[in-house]
Amino acid sequence: MTEQNIDTHLREALSHLELALNQSVRCVLENDSAKKEIGLKWEQFLGEFIGLVREKGKKSRLNLLSWITFPRMKS
């Protein structure tokens, strides 16, 4: 896999996440009682993603999270 392929996958993933975030916000604005259910969906997704990163890191013997310096992240 080339770096260009990685960029493509990350752009597509970000696009999908933005759509899911927009739909989550709309859903909660339309129905405040959906907040807990929507929050659980995001909690499950983020937990699964971090778990996947950790699992891949252990298998490859790489600390994948160390590649990211959080102060450089955009706010």
Protein backbone atom coordinates (compact mmCIF):
# COMPACT_ATOMS: atom_id res chain seq x y z
CA MET A 1 0.00 0.00 0.00
CA THR A 2 1.39 3.38 -0.94
CA GLU A 3 1.17 6.57 1.08
CA GLN A 4 -1.28 7.89 -1.52
CA ASN A 5 -3.61 4.95 -0.79
CA ILE A 6 -3.40 5.72 2.93
CA ASP A 7 -4.28 9.37 2.23
CA THR A 8 -7.27 8.29 0.14
CA HIS A 9 -8.58 5.94 2.83
CA LEU A 10 -8.14 8.56 5.56
CA ARG A 11 -9.94 11.23 3.49
CA GLU A 12 -12.82 8.82 2.83
CA ALA A 13 -12.97 7.83 6.50
CA LEU A 14 -13.03 11.49 7.56
CA SER A 15 -15.80 12.18 5.08
CA HIS A 16 -17.89 9.31 6.49
CA LEU A 17 -17.21 10.43 10.06
CA GLU A 18 -18.28 13.97 9.23
CA LEU A 19 -21.54 12.66 7.74
CA ALA A 20 -22.17 10.52 10.84
CA LEU A 21 -21.40 13.49 13.10
CA ASN A 22 -23.75 15.77 11.15
CA GLN A 23 -26.53 13.17 11.32
CA SER A 24 -25.90 12.67 15.04
CA VAL A 25 -26.22 16.41 15.70
CA ARG A 26 -29.40 16.66 13.58
CA CYS A 27 -30.91 13.65 15.32
CA VAL A 28 -30.28 15.06 18.80
CA LEU A 29 -31.51 18.53 17.81
CA GLU A 30 -34.73 16.94 16.57
CA ASN A 31 -35.09 14.63 19.56
CA ASP A 32 -33.12 15.43 22.71
CA SER A 33 -33.97 12.04 24.22
CA ALA A 34 -31.85 10.39 21.48
CA LYS A 35 -28.71 11.89 23.04
CA LYS A 36 -27.94 8.85 25.18
CA GLU A 37 -28.43 6.36 22.33
CA ILE A 38 -26.36 8.43 19.90
CA GLY A 39 -23.66 8.88 22.55
CA LEU A 40 -23.50 5.11 23.06
CA LYS A 41 -23.03 4.61 19.31
CA TRP A 42 -20.08 7.03 19.29
CA GLU A 43 -18.67 5.49 22.46
CA GLN A 44 -18.81 2.02 20.91
CA PHE A 45 -17.24 3.23 17.66
CA LEU A 46 -14.40 5.12 19.33
CA GLY A 47 -13.75 2.25 21.74
CA GLU A 48 -13.62 -0.21 18.85
CA PHE A 49 -11.26 2.03 16.90
CA ILE A 50 -8.85 2.56 19.82
CA GLY A 51 -9.01 -1.18 20.55
CA LEU A 52 -8.16 -1.92 16.92
CA VAL A 53 -5.20 0.48 17.05
CA ARG A 54 -3.92 -1.20 20.22
CA GLU A 55 -4.42 -4.71 18.79
CA LYS A 56 -2.60 -3.85 15.55
CA GLY A 57 0.15 -2.23 17.60
CA LYS A 58 0.65 -5.35 19.72
CA LYS A 59 0.70 -7.65 16.70
CA SER A 60 3.19 -5.49 14.84
CA ARG A 61 5.16 -4.55 17.98
CA LEU A 62 4.69 -0.88 17.14
CA ASN A 63 3.22 1.78 19.42
CA LEU A 64 0.88 3.27 16.82
CA LEU A 65 -0.45 5.93 19.20
CA SER A 66 3.09 7.25 19.68
CA TRP A 67 3.06 8.36 16.03
CA ILE A 68 0.54 11.07 16.90
CA THR A 69 1.55 14.15 18.86
CA PHE A 70 -1.72 15.50 20.19
CA PRO A 71 -0.56 19.14 20.57
CA ARG A 72 -0.20 19.24 16.75
CA MET A 73 -3.79 18.13 16.26
CA LYS A 74 -6.10 20.81 14.88
CA SER A 75 -8.77 22.08 17.22
